[in-house]
Amino acid sequence: MIKLGLYSSIANPPRGDDLDRCVQEAIAEAELAEACGFHGFFFGEHHQDRDGFLPSPLVVAAAVAARTSRIQIGTSVVLLPLHHPLRVAEDVATLDIVSGGRVAFGVGIAYQEADFRAFGIERRHRVGRFEEAIQILEKAWLGEKFSHKGRHFDIEDVTILPRPIQRPRPPLWIGAWVPAAIERAARLGNAIVMSPSMPLGPITEGAKLYRQAAEAAGRPGEIVMMRDAWVADSLEDAARVYGPEAMAAYKYYWRNGAEAFQGIDSEDAFEFETMWKDRIITGSPETCIAEFKRWSEAVGTDYFLLRLRHAHSGGPPHAEIMKTIERFGRDVIPHLGG
């Protein structure tokens, strides 16, 4: 059975106005997603973005936990090098208790220089801080006294309580899509979260590398496929509602040197009709069903996290997203088994 989750981009360009409304909309989307058969609902973390992109995903995840009962709740991703791992361990354990054991904790290495500067952390230390933090999380969630002496963290005789409900700990997902990061994810995590907008060819190659590295590390190697997606009556309808939002976001990523758009020479190339194939899962319900199955077979995954709203465009609007969640639940999810 192919499982679908949702990734919510809470932001409101250009100035981050009315974020209280945006948060309430995301919670309503999570409630509807649970009712429509989605498997999970996830949030990311950004800092200092002028559009107000969510800096505290675990707080909003707790609000979703209070309004739902079955859907998996998680992050994709928390920027782990920016935080002290003991504080993270406590917050995630508490969220796992609040949610009744529904947390999947996704982490990433962070990349924006301004974030590191704001927190007084040197960007060049991000890999070391990331790897040490994961070691500390794994020890902390056992609920036993432990010590850790490393280059970035020095912890002596500490016990973190309460323990998470999930044993031995909540699943640890790591966002990655370049070779060094893919190998790190295979070595340290339970699953990898792969790029939402990188095309199928590079994704397939990355998945192969990940599986090889996970096998070498003696880990199961689960792949979570984050993906831009939209279901409508037709590809033309999807292009009308979702196309402008996705292309506005893609131009932003391209201008900022995103790996997913390497080799594209001009902003003029970002036309939905030529960009969607092997990158966005979209179109009629029948097309989406076939595409999920094609991607699942090519990548070797049974879990997709769908990005409906784009933070850097602000849309599609909440009303359109609610209709699309219902459409996925009615016309796509029931047909993704077997």
C-alpha atoms as a PDB file:
ATOM      1  CA  MET A   1       0.000   0.000   0.000  1.00  0.00           C
ATOM      2  CA  ILE A   2       1.368   3.403  -0.989  1.00  0.00           C
ATOM      3  CA  LYS A   3       0.919   5.910   1.844  1.00  0.00           C
ATOM      4  CA  LEU A   4       0.456   9.646   1.313  1.00  0.00           C
ATOM      5  CA  GLY A   5       1.354  12.322   3.822  1.00  0.00           C
ATOM      6  CA  LEU A   6       1.204  16.110   3.597  1.00  0.00           C
ATOM      7  CA  TYR A   7       3.912  18.680   4.170  1.00  0.00           C
ATOM      8  CA  SER A   8       2.570  22.090   5.202  1.00  0.00           C
ATOM      9  CA  SER A   9       4.477  25.265   4.319  1.00  0.00           C
ATOM     10  CA  ILE A  10       3.237  27.853   6.824  1.00  0.00           C
ATOM     11  CA  ALA A  11       4.197  31.249   5.425  1.00  0.00           C
ATOM     12  CA  ASN A  12       2.510  34.301   3.938  1.00  0.00           C
ATOM     13  CA  PRO A  13       4.608  36.277   1.454  1.00  0.00           C
ATOM     14  CA  PRO A  14       5.723  38.928   1.083  1.00  0.00           C
ATOM     15  CA  ARG A  15       5.656  40.236   4.681  1.00  0.00           C
ATOM     16  CA  GLY A  16       4.453  37.334   6.841  1.00  0.00           C
ATOM     17  CA  ASP A  17       1.132  38.969   7.685  1.00  0.00           C
ATOM     18  CA  ASP A  18      -1.780  37.115   9.325  1.00  0.00           C
ATOM     19  CA  LEU A  19       0.251  34.096  10.353  1.00  0.00           C
ATOM     20  CA  ASP A  20      -2.340  33.301  13.018  1.00  0.00           C
ATOM     21  CA  ARG A  21      -4.766  32.604  10.169  1.00  0.00           C
ATOM     22  CA  CYS A  22      -2.142  30.555   8.309  1.00  0.00           C
ATOM     23  CA  VAL A  23      -1.545  28.353  11.353  1.00  0.00           C
ATOM     24  CA  GLN A  24      -5.274  27.767  11.855  1.00  0.00           C
ATOM     25  CA  GLU A  25      -5.617  26.871   8.170  1.00  0.00           C
ATOM     26  CA  ALA A  26      -2.811  24.321   8.478  1.00  0.00           C
ATOM     27  CA  ILE A  27      -4.467  22.729  11.507  1.00  0.00           C
ATOM     28  CA  ALA A  28      -7.763  22.503   9.605  1.00  0.00           C
ATOM     29  CA  GLU A  29      -5.922  20.903   6.685  1.00  0.00           C
ATOM     30  CA  ALA A  30      -4.429  18.331   9.045  1.00  0.00           C
ATOM     31  CA  GLU A  31      -7.850  17.477  10.475  1.00  0.00           C
ATOM     32  CA  LEU A  32      -9.260  17.025   6.989  1.00  0.00           C
ATOM     33  CA  ALA A  33      -6.224  15.013   5.880  1.00  0.00           C
ATOM     34  CA  GLU A  34      -6.796  12.547   8.711  1.00  0.00           C
ATOM     35  CA  ALA A  35     -10.471  12.208   7.782  1.00  0.00           C
ATOM     36  CA  CYS A  36      -9.533  11.624   4.126  1.00  0.00           C
ATOM     37  CA  GLY A  37      -7.075   8.805   4.781  1.00  0.00           C
ATOM     38  CA  PHE A  38      -3.698  10.542   4.651  1.00  0.00           C
ATOM     39  CA  HIS A  39      -1.005   8.810   6.677  1.00  0.00           C
ATOM     40  CA  GLY A  40       0.957  11.800   8.010  1.00  0.00           C
ATOM     41  CA  PHE A  41       1.176  15.576   8.391  1.00  0.00           C
ATOM     42  CA  PHE A  42       4.545  17.345   8.586  1.00  0.00           C
ATOM     43  CA  PHE A  43       6.089  20.780   9.109  1.00  0.00           C
ATOM     44  CA  GLY A  44       9.449  22.324   8.253  1.00  0.00           C
ATOM     45  CA  GLU A  45      11.604  24.931   9.971  1.00  0.00           C
ATOM     46  CA  HIS A  46      12.989  28.234   8.691  1.00  0.00           C
ATOM     47  CA  HIS A  47      14.262  31.342  10.453  1.00  0.00           C
ATOM     48  CA  GLN A  48      14.174  35.066   9.686  1.00  0.00           C
ATOM     49  CA  ASP A  49      12.296  34.616   6.418  1.00  0.00           C
ATOM     50  CA  ARG A  50      10.374  37.779   5.551  1.00  0.00           C
ATOM     51  CA  ASP A  51       7.349  35.680   4.575  1.00  0.00           C
ATOM     52  CA  GLY A  52       7.134  34.382   8.165  1.00  0.00           C
ATOM     53  CA  PHE A  53       8.025  30.776   7.346  1.00  0.00           C
ATOM     54  CA  LEU A  54       7.458  28.727  10.492  1.00  0.00           C
ATOM     55  CA  PRO A  55      10.398  28.837  12.964  1.00  0.00           C
ATOM     56  CA  SER A  56       8.860  26.456  15.554  1.00  0.00           C
ATOM     57  CA  PRO A  57       7.441  23.333  13.889  1.00  0.00           C
ATOM     58  CA  LEU A  58       7.205  21.244  17.062  1.00  0.00           C
ATOM     59  CA  VAL A  59       4.846  23.795  18.627  1.00  0.00           C
ATOM     60  CA  VAL A  60       2.401  23.634  15.723  1.00  0.00           C
ATOM     61  CA  ALA A  61       2.806  19.852  15.546  1.00  0.00           C
ATOM     62  CA  ALA A  62       1.582  19.720  19.160  1.00  0.00           C
ATOM     63  CA  ALA A  63      -1.483  21.735  18.167  1.00  0.00           C
ATOM     64  CA  VAL A  64      -2.193  19.247  15.381  1.00  0.00           C
ATOM     65  CA  ALA A  65      -1.728  16.361  17.822  1.00  0.00           C
ATOM     66  CA  ALA A  66      -4.415  17.873  20.046  1.00  0.00           C
ATOM     67  CA  ARG A  67      -6.907  18.060  17.163  1.00  0.00           C
ATOM     68  CA  THR A  68      -6.266  14.622  15.613  1.00  0.00           C
ATOM     69  CA  SER A  69      -6.107  11.036  16.846  1.00  0.00           C
ATOM     70  CA  ARG A  70      -4.563   8.769  14.193  1.00  0.00           C
ATOM     71  CA  ILE A  71      -2.453  10.657  11.673  1.00  0.00           C
ATOM     72  CA  GLN A  72       1.340  10.542  11.995  1.00  0.00           C
ATOM     73  CA  ILE A  73       2.816  13.899  13.000  1.00  0.00           C
ATOM     74  CA  GLY A  74       6.309  15.032  12.247  1.00  0.00           C
ATOM     75  CA  THR A  75       8.933  17.385  10.945  1.00  0.00           C
ATOM     76  CA  SER A  76      10.603  17.610   7.571  1.00  0.00           C
ATOM     77  CA  VAL A  77      12.844  18.987   8.763  1.00  0.00           C
ATOM     78  CA  VAL A  78      14.091  20.486  12.051  1.00  0.00           C
ATOM     79  CA  LEU A  79      17.436  22.220  11.457  1.00  0.00           C
ATOM     80  CA  LEU A  80      19.309  20.206  14.043  1.00  0.00           C
ATOM     81  CA  PRO A  81      22.690  22.025  14.150  1.00  0.00           C
ATOM     82  CA  LEU A  82      20.923  25.192  15.314  1.00  0.00           C
ATOM     83  CA  HIS A  83      19.641  23.559  18.517  1.00  0.00           C
ATOM     84  CA  HIS A  84      20.969  21.988  21.676  1.00  0.00           C
ATOM     85  CA  PRO A  85      20.169  18.270  21.403  1.00  0.00           C
ATOM     86  CA  LEU A  86      19.026  17.876  25.030  1.00  0.00           C
ATOM     87  CA  ARG A  87      16.321  20.505  24.530  1.00  0.00           C
ATOM     88  CA  VAL A  88      15.315  18.800  21.268  1.00  0.00           C
ATOM     89  CA  ALA A  89      15.202  15.389  22.959  1.00  0.00           C
ATOM     90  CA  GLU A  90      12.876  16.728  25.658  1.00  0.00           C
ATOM     91  CA  ASP A  91      10.566  18.482  23.196  1.00  0.00           C
ATOM     92  CA  VAL A  92      10.255  15.498  20.856  1.00  0.00           C
ATOM     93  CA  ALA A  93       9.675  13.067  23.719  1.00  0.00           C
ATOM     94  CA  THR A  94       6.952  15.351  25.052  1.00  0.00           C
ATOM     95  CA  LEU A  95       5.346  15.622  21.618  1.00  0.00           C
ATOM     96  CA  ASP A  96       5.391  11.839  21.296  1.00  0.00           C
ATOM     97  CA  ILE A  97       3.508  11.609  24.596  1.00  0.00           C
ATOM     98  CA  VAL A  98       1.045  14.361  23.663  1.00  0.00           C
ATOM     99  CA  SER A  99       0.332  12.656  20.334  1.00  0.00           C
ATOM    100  CA  GLY A 100       0.047   9.137  21.742  1.00  0.00           C
ATOM    101  CA  GLY A 101       3.179   7.876  20.000  1.00  0.00           C
ATOM    102  CA  ARG A 102       2.625   9.334  16.534  1.00  0.00           C
ATOM    103  CA  VAL A 103       5.854  11.286  15.955  1.00  0.00           C
ATOM    104  CA  ALA A 104       8.329  10.871  13.104  1.00  0.00           C
ATOM    105  CA  PHE A 105      11.225  13.255  13.710  1.00  0.00           C
ATOM    106  CA  GLY A 106      12.862  14.550  10.555  1.00  0.00           C
ATOM    107  CA  VAL A 107      16.095  16.526  10.762  1.00  0.00           C
ATOM    108  CA  GLY A 108      18.350  18.371   8.342  1.00  0.00           C
ATOM    109  CA  ILE A 109      21.762  19.940   8.370  1.00  0.00           C
ATOM    110  CA  ALA A 110      20.672  23.566   7.665  1.00  0.00           C
ATOM    111  CA  TYR A 111      22.393  25.747   5.083  1.00  0.00           C
ATOM    112  CA  GLN A 112      21.472  29.435   5.369  1.00  0.00           C
ATOM    113  CA  GLU A 113      24.381  31.481   6.683  1.00  0.00           C
ATOM    114  CA  ALA A 114      22.047  34.010   8.321  1.00  0.00           C
ATOM    115  CA  ASP A 115      20.522  31.291  10.520  1.00  0.00           C
ATOM    116  CA  PHE A 116      23.875  30.215  11.889  1.00  0.00           C
ATOM    117  CA  ARG A 117      24.891  33.818  12.473  1.00  0.00           C
ATOM    118  CA  ALA A 118      21.657  34.565  14.348  1.00  0.00           C
ATOM    119  CA  PHE A 119      22.207  31.649  16.724  1.00  0.00           C
ATOM    120  CA  GLY A 120      25.911  32.344  17.193  1.00  0.00           C
ATOM    121  CA  ILE A 121      26.988  29.079  15.542  1.00  0.00           C
ATOM    122  CA  GLU A 122      29.661  28.736  12.880  1.00  0.00           C
ATOM    123  CA  ARG A 123      28.286  27.193   9.696  1.00  0.00           C
ATOM    124  CA  ARG A 124      31.491  25.230   9.149  1.00  0.00           C
ATOM    125  CA  HIS A 125      30.663  23.197  12.267  1.00  0.00           C
ATOM    126  CA  ARG A 126      27.240  22.084  11.057  1.00  0.00           C
ATOM    127  CA  VAL A 127      28.212  18.508  10.077  1.00  0.00           C
ATOM    128  CA  GLY A 128      29.974  17.856  13.383  1.00  0.00           C
ATOM    129  CA  ARG A 129      27.134  19.364  15.425  1.00  0.00           C
ATOM    130  CA  PHE A 130      24.589  17.372  13.412  1.00  0.00           C
ATOM    131  CA  GLU A 131      26.291  14.012  13.914  1.00  0.00           C
ATOM    132  CA  GLU A 132      26.959  14.580  17.610  1.00  0.00           C
ATOM    133  CA  ALA A 133      23.384  15.738  18.156  1.00  0.00           C
ATOM    134  CA  ILE A 134      22.020  12.516  16.669  1.00  0.00           C
ATOM    135  CA  GLN A 135      24.249  10.458  18.969  1.00  0.00           C
ATOM    136  CA  ILE A 136      22.951  12.437  21.941  1.00  0.00           C
ATOM    137  CA  LEU A 137      19.292  12.088  20.905  1.00  0.00           C
ATOM    138  CA  GLU A 138      19.619   8.326  20.655  1.00  0.00           C
ATOM    139  CA  LYS A 139      21.120   8.126  24.156  1.00  0.00           C
ATOM    140  CA  ALA A 140      18.702  10.640  25.671  1.00  0.00           C
ATOM    141  CA  TRP A 141      15.560   8.846  24.510  1.00  0.00           C
ATOM    142  CA  LEU A 142      16.582   5.658  26.340  1.00  0.00           C
ATOM    143  CA  GLY A 143      15.702   7.400  29.613  1.00  0.00           C
ATOM    144  CA  GLU A 144      18.945   6.314  31.281  1.00  0.00           C
ATOM    145  CA  LYS A 145      21.794   8.365  32.710  1.00  0.00           C
ATOM    146  CA  PHE A 146      24.464   9.049  30.099  1.00  0.00           C
ATOM    147  CA  SER A 147      27.430  11.250  29.313  1.00  0.00           C
ATOM    148  CA  HIS A 148      28.790  12.567  26.041  1.00  0.00           C
ATOM    149  CA  LYS A 149      32.117  14.261  25.479  1.00  0.00           C
ATOM    150  CA  GLY A 150      32.596  15.571  21.958  1.00  0.00           C
ATOM    151  CA  ARG A 151      33.947  18.519  20.057  1.00  0.00           C
ATOM    152  CA  HIS A 152      30.682  20.479  20.183  1.00  0.00           C
ATOM    153  CA  PHE A 153      28.767  19.112  23.182  1.00  0.00           C
ATOM    154  CA  ASP A 154      30.006  18.102  26.627  1.00  0.00           C
ATOM    155  CA  ILE A 155      27.313  16.372  28.698  1.00  0.00           C
ATOM    156  CA  GLU A 156      27.877  14.623  32.001  1.00  0.00           C
ATOM    157  CA  ASP A 157      25.525  12.364  33.989  1.00  0.00           C
ATOM    158  CA  VAL A 158      22.244  13.498  32.462  1.00  0.00           C
ATOM    159  CA  THR A 159      18.902  11.679  32.359  1.00  0.00           C
ATOM    160  CA  ILE A 160      16.153  12.894  30.025  1.00  0.00           C
ATOM    161  CA  LEU A 161      12.589  12.228  31.131  1.00  0.00           C
ATOM    162  CA  PRO A 162       9.905  11.585  30.119  1.00  0.00           C
ATOM    163  CA  ARG A 163      10.794   8.875  27.618  1.00  0.00           C
ATOM    164  CA  PRO A 164       8.966   8.834  24.284  1.00  0.00           C
ATOM    165  CA  ILE A 165       6.105   6.370  23.965  1.00  0.00           C
ATOM    166  CA  GLN A 166       7.666   4.774  20.892  1.00  0.00           C
ATOM    167  CA  ARG A 167      10.405   2.249  21.638  1.00  0.00           C
ATOM    168  CA  PRO A 168      13.298   2.453  21.464  1.00  0.00           C
ATOM    169  CA  ARG A 169      12.582   5.964  20.129  1.00  0.00           C
ATOM    170  CA  PRO A 170      10.570   7.841  17.484  1.00  0.00           C
ATOM    171  CA  PRO A 171      11.750   7.139  13.925  1.00  0.00           C
ATOM    172  CA  LEU A 172      14.551   9.464  12.909  1.00  0.00           C
ATOM    173  CA  TRP A 173      14.332  10.738   9.322  1.00  0.00           C
ATOM    174  CA  ILE A 174      17.125  12.683   7.661  1.00  0.00           C
ATOM    175  CA  GLY A 175      16.619  15.068   4.744  1.00  0.00           C
ATOM    176  CA  ALA A 176      19.292  14.626   2.063  1.00  0.00           C
ATOM    177  CA  TRP A 177      19.781  14.786  -1.693  1.00  0.00           C
ATOM    178  CA  VAL A 178      23.489  15.174  -2.478  1.00  0.00           C
ATOM    179  CA  PRO A 179      25.817  12.131  -2.248  1.00  0.00           C
ATOM    180  CA  ALA A 180      27.643  12.999   0.997  1.00  0.00           C
ATOM    181  CA  ALA A 181      24.357  13.788   2.745  1.00  0.00           C
ATOM    182  CA  ILE A 182      22.697  10.639   1.353  1.00  0.00           C
ATOM    183  CA  GLU A 183      25.478   8.469   2.765  1.00  0.00           C
ATOM    184  CA  ARG A 184      25.217  10.300   6.109  1.00  0.00           C
ATOM    185  CA  ALA A 185      21.464   9.675   6.213  1.00  0.00           C
ATOM    186  CA  ALA A 186      21.997   5.977   5.537  1.00  0.00           C
ATOM    187  CA  ARG A 187      24.540   5.733   8.341  1.00  0.00           C
ATOM    188  CA  LEU A 188      22.642   7.694  11.002  1.00  0.00           C
ATOM    189  CA  GLY A 189      18.894   7.553  10.394  1.00  0.00           C
ATOM    190  CA  ASN A 190      15.918   5.241  10.032  1.00  0.00           C
ATOM    191  CA  ALA A 191      14.817   6.839   6.769  1.00  0.00           C
ATOM    192  CA  ILE A 192      15.845   9.425   4.212  1.00  0.00           C
ATOM    193  CA  VAL A 193      13.559  12.237   3.047  1.00  0.00           C
ATOM    194  CA  MET A 194      14.362  13.000  -0.588  1.00  0.00           C
ATOM    195  CA  SER A 195      13.990  16.293  -2.452  1.00  0.00           C
ATOM    196  CA  PRO A 196      10.456  17.475  -3.334  1.00  0.00           C
ATOM    197  CA  SER A 197      11.392  18.989  -6.693  1.00  0.00           C
ATOM    198  CA  MET A 198      14.396  17.083  -8.020  1.00  0.00           C
ATOM    199  CA  PRO A 199      13.496  15.083 -11.174  1.00  0.00           C
ATOM    200  CA  LEU A 200      13.028  11.321 -11.225  1.00  0.00           C
ATOM    201  CA  GLY A 201      16.364  10.410 -12.817  1.00  0.00           C
ATOM    202  CA  PRO A 202      18.614  11.900 -10.105  1.00  0.00           C
ATOM    203  CA  ILE A 203      16.187  10.740  -7.418  1.00  0.00           C
ATOM    204  CA  THR A 204      16.490   7.153  -8.658  1.00  0.00           C
ATOM    205  CA  GLU A 205      20.284   7.373  -8.592  1.00  0.00           C
ATOM    206  CA  GLY A 206      20.196   8.862  -5.099  1.00  0.00           C
ATOM    207  CA  ALA A 207      17.896   6.080  -3.906  1.00  0.00           C
ATOM    208  CA  LYS A 208      20.309   3.471  -5.228  1.00  0.00           C
ATOM    209  CA  LEU A 209      23.232   5.112  -3.418  1.00  0.00           C
ATOM    210  CA  TYR A 210      21.188   5.335  -0.227  1.00  0.00           C
ATOM    211  CA  ARG A 211      20.282   1.651  -0.265  1.00  0.00           C
ATOM    212  CA  GLN A 212      23.870   0.615  -0.807  1.00  0.00           C
ATOM    213  CA  ALA A 213      25.047   2.825   2.066  1.00  0.00           C
ATOM    214  CA  ALA A 214      22.231   1.672   4.368  1.00  0.00           C
ATOM    215  CA  GLU A 215      23.076  -1.964   3.700  1.00  0.00           C
ATOM    216  CA  ALA A 216      26.741  -1.278   4.463  1.00  0.00           C
ATOM    217  CA  ALA A 217      25.686   0.397   7.729  1.00  0.00           C
ATOM    218  CA  GLY A 218      23.380  -2.476   8.676  1.00  0.00           C
ATOM    219  CA  ARG A 219      20.255  -0.293   8.604  1.00  0.00           C
ATOM    220  CA  PRO A 220      16.924  -1.036   6.892  1.00  0.00           C
ATOM    221  CA  GLY A 221      17.061   2.018   4.621  1.00  0.00           C
ATOM    222  CA  GLU A 222      13.523   3.406   4.247  1.00  0.00           C
ATOM    223  CA  ILE A 223      12.914   6.103   1.624  1.00  0.00           C
ATOM    224  CA  VAL A 224      10.327   8.845   2.141  1.00  0.00           C
ATOM    225  CA  MET A 225       9.668  10.626  -1.136  1.00  0.00           C
ATOM    226  CA  MET A 226       8.764  14.268  -0.663  1.00  0.00           C
ATOM    227  CA  ARG A 227       7.021  15.482  -3.813  1.00  0.00           C
ATOM    228  CA  ASP A 228       5.213  18.455  -5.307  1.00  0.00           C
ATOM    229  CA  ALA A 229       1.759  17.216  -6.270  1.00  0.00           C
ATOM    230  CA  TRP A 230      -1.755  18.311  -7.203  1.00  0.00           C
ATOM    231  CA  VAL A 231      -4.847  16.426  -8.337  1.00  0.00           C
ATOM    232  CA  ALA A 232      -7.535  18.030 -10.516  1.00  0.00           C
ATOM    233  CA  ASP A 233      -9.945  17.174 -13.295  1.00  0.00           C
ATOM    234  CA  SER A 234      -7.104  17.379 -15.808  1.00  0.00           C
ATOM    235  CA  LEU A 235      -3.520  18.471 -16.282  1.00  0.00           C
ATOM    236  CA  GLU A 236      -4.832  21.756 -17.687  1.00  0.00           C
ATOM    237  CA  ASP A 237      -6.819  22.425 -14.508  1.00  0.00           C
ATOM    238  CA  ALA A 238      -3.788  21.598 -12.374  1.00  0.00           C
ATOM    239  CA  ALA A 239      -1.676  23.959 -14.474  1.00  0.00           C
ATOM    240  CA  ARG A 240      -4.181  26.751 -13.938  1.00  0.00           C
ATOM    241  CA  VAL A 241      -4.401  26.457 -10.109  1.00  0.00           C
ATOM    242  CA  TYR A 242      -1.098  24.891  -9.044  1.00  0.00           C
ATOM    243  CA  GLY A 243       1.181  25.819 -11.914  1.00  0.00           C
ATOM    244  CA  PRO A 244       1.786  29.522 -11.134  1.00  0.00           C
ATOM    245  CA  GLU A 245       2.487  28.747  -7.465  1.00  0.00           C
ATOM    246  CA  ALA A 246       4.930  25.934  -8.176  1.00  0.00           C
ATOM    247  CA  MET A 247       6.763  27.901 -10.845  1.00  0.00           C
ATOM    248  CA  ALA A 248       7.095  30.976  -8.620  1.00  0.00           C
ATOM    249  CA  ALA A 249       8.646  28.770  -5.941  1.00  0.00           C
ATOM    250  CA  TYR A 250      10.922  27.007  -8.431  1.00  0.00           C
ATOM    251  CA  LYS A 251      12.243  30.343  -9.688  1.00  0.00           C
ATOM    252  CA  TYR A 252      13.062  31.300  -6.102  1.00  0.00           C
ATOM    253  CA  TYR A 253      14.972  28.051  -5.572  1.00  0.00           C
ATOM    254  CA  TRP A 254      16.751  28.416  -8.932  1.00  0.00           C
ATOM    255  CA  ARG A 255      17.865  31.948  -8.092  1.00  0.00           C
ATOM    256  CA  ASN A 256      19.268  30.599  -4.808  1.00  0.00           C
ATOM    257  CA  GLY A 257      21.246  27.807  -6.484  1.00  0.00           C
ATOM    258  CA  ALA A 258      19.080  24.812  -5.527  1.00  0.00           C
ATOM    259  CA  GLU A 259      20.534  21.457  -6.554  1.00  0.00           C
ATOM    260  CA  ALA A 260      17.187  20.418  -8.065  1.00  0.00           C
ATOM    261  CA  PHE A 261      17.506  23.024 -10.826  1.00  0.00           C
ATOM    262  CA  GLN A 262      21.163  22.736 -11.767  1.00  0.00           C
ATOM    263  CA  GLY A 263      21.682  22.975 -15.518  1.00  0.00           C
ATOM    264  CA  ILE A 264      18.736  25.308 -16.146  1.00  0.00           C
ATOM    265  CA  ASP A 265      20.131  28.419 -17.825  1.00  0.00           C
ATOM    266  CA  SER A 266      17.230  30.843 -17.715  1.00  0.00           C
ATOM    267  CA  GLU A 267      14.223  31.731 -15.602  1.00  0.00           C
ATOM    268  CA  ASP A 268      12.219  31.576 -18.811  1.00  0.00           C
ATOM    269  CA  ALA A 269      12.498  27.781 -18.688  1.00  0.00           C
ATOM    270  CA  PHE A 270      10.104  27.619 -15.745  1.00  0.00           C
ATOM    271  CA  GLU A 271       6.853  26.835 -17.528  1.00  0.00           C
ATOM    272  CA  PHE A 272       4.555  24.339 -15.866  1.00  0.00           C
ATOM    273  CA  GLU A 273       3.681  22.555 -19.104  1.00  0.00           C
ATOM    274  CA  THR A 274       7.342  21.706 -19.782  1.00  0.00           C
ATOM    275  CA  MET A 275       8.555  21.393 -16.174  1.00  0.00           C
ATOM    276  CA  TRP A 276       6.022  19.036 -14.592  1.00  0.00           C
ATOM    277  CA  LYS A 277       6.972  15.748 -16.249  1.00  0.00           C
ATOM    278  CA  ASP A 278       9.151  13.496 -14.053  1.00  0.00           C
ATOM    279  CA  ARG A 279       9.111  16.224 -11.402  1.00  0.00           C
ATOM    280  CA  ILE A 280       5.521  16.989 -10.269  1.00  0.00           C
ATOM    281  CA  ILE A 281       2.873  14.292  -9.696  1.00  0.00           C
ATOM    282  CA  THR A 282      -0.196  15.978 -11.107  1.00  0.00           C
ATOM    283  CA  GLY A 283      -3.202  15.782 -13.382  1.00  0.00           C
ATOM    284  CA  SER A 284      -6.378  13.746 -13.215  1.00  0.00           C
ATOM    285  CA  PRO A 285      -6.901  11.178 -10.446  1.00  0.00           C
ATOM    286  CA  GLU A 286      -6.115   8.380 -12.892  1.00  0.00           C
ATOM    287  CA  THR A 287      -2.870  10.068 -13.926  1.00  0.00           C
ATOM    288  CA  CYS A 288      -1.852  10.684 -10.311  1.00  0.00           C
ATOM    289  CA  ILE A 289      -2.535   7.069  -9.363  1.00  0.00           C
ATOM    290  CA  ALA A 290      -0.390   5.839 -12.247  1.00  0.00           C
ATOM    291  CA  GLU A 291       2.380   8.321 -11.412  1.00  0.00           C
ATOM    292  CA  PHE A 292       2.507   7.361  -7.731  1.00  0.00           C
ATOM    293  CA  LYS A 293       2.845   3.710  -8.725  1.00  0.00           C
ATOM    294  CA  ARG A 294       5.509   4.519 -11.348  1.00  0.00           C
ATOM    295  CA  TRP A 295       7.548   6.599  -8.890  1.00  0.00           C
ATOM    296  CA  SER A 296       7.096   3.984  -6.159  1.00  0.00           C
ATOM    297  CA  GLU A 297       8.502   1.257  -8.378  1.00  0.00           C
ATOM    298  CA  ALA A 298      11.354   3.398  -9.733  1.00  0.00           C
ATOM    299  CA  VAL A 299      12.499   4.739  -6.358  1.00  0.00           C
ATOM    300  CA  GLY A 300      11.494   1.820  -4.151  1.00  0.00           C
ATOM    301  CA  THR A 301       9.273   3.691  -1.713  1.00  0.00           C
ATOM    302  CA  ASP A 302       5.787   3.339  -0.315  1.00  0.00           C
ATOM    303  CA  TYR A 303       5.597   6.742   1.409  1.00  0.00           C
ATOM    304  CA  PHE A 304       5.111  10.102  -0.313  1.00  0.00           C
ATOM    305  CA  LEU A 305       4.995  13.473   1.467  1.00  0.00           C
ATOM    306  CA  LEU A 306       3.091  15.884  -0.747  1.00  0.00           C
ATOM    307  CA  ARG A 307       3.823  19.615  -0.840  1.00  0.00           C
ATOM    308  CA  LEU A 308       0.588  21.310  -1.896  1.00  0.00           C
ATOM    309  CA  ARG A 309       1.250  24.869  -0.725  1.00  0.00           C
ATOM    310  CA  HIS A 310       4.471  26.655  -1.683  1.00  0.00           C
ATOM    311  CA  ALA A 311       5.882  28.951   0.974  1.00  0.00           C
ATOM    312  CA  HIS A 312       7.659  31.244  -1.448  1.00  0.00           C
ATOM    313  CA  SER A 313       4.506  31.939  -3.441  1.00  0.00           C
ATOM    314  CA  GLY A 314       1.970  31.616  -0.625  1.00  0.00           C
ATOM    315  CA  GLY A 315      -0.445  29.453  -2.548  1.00  0.00           C
ATOM    316  CA  PRO A 316      -2.547  27.822  -3.725  1.00  0.00           C
ATOM    317  CA  PRO A 317      -5.145  29.275  -1.355  1.00  0.00           C
ATOM    318  CA  HIS A 318      -6.468  27.337   1.620  1.00  0.00           C
ATOM    319  CA  ALA A 319      -9.860  26.705  -0.003  1.00  0.00           C
ATOM    320  CA  GLU A 320      -8.218  25.102  -3.038  1.00  0.00           C
ATOM    321  CA  ILE A 321      -5.971  22.980  -0.829  1.00  0.00           C
ATOM    322  CA  MET A 322      -8.966  21.715   1.153  1.00  0.00           C
ATOM    323  CA  LYS A 323     -10.706  20.702  -2.068  1.00  0.00           C
ATOM    324  CA  THR A 324      -7.573  18.926  -3.270  1.00  0.00           C
ATOM    325  CA  ILE A 325      -7.137  17.061   0.020  1.00  0.00           C
ATOM    326  CA  GLU A 326     -10.709  15.817  -0.350  1.00  0.00           C
ATOM    327  CA  ARG A 327     -10.036  14.848  -3.983  1.00  0.00           C
ATOM    328  CA  PHE A 328      -6.941  12.855  -3.042  1.00  0.00           C
ATOM    329  CA  GLY A 329      -8.901  11.138  -0.286  1.00  0.00           C
ATOM    330  CA  ARG A 330     -11.857  10.279  -2.516  1.00  0.00           C
ATOM    331  CA  ASP A 331     -10.279   9.534  -5.893  1.00  0.00           C
ATOM    332  CA  VAL A 332      -6.604   8.627  -5.335  1.00  0.00           C
ATOM    333  CA  ILE A 333      -5.797   7.139  -1.917  1.00  0.00           C
ATOM    334  CA  PRO A 334      -8.315   4.244  -2.158  1.00  0.00           C
ATOM    335  CA  HIS A 335      -6.608   3.116  -5.389  1.00  0.00           C
ATOM    336  CA  LEU A 336      -2.998   3.022  -4.190  1.00  0.00           C
ATOM    337  CA  GLY A 337      -3.034  -0.490  -2.783  1.00  0.00           C
ATOM    338  CA  GLY A 338      -1.464  -3.466  -4.563  1.00  0.00           C
END
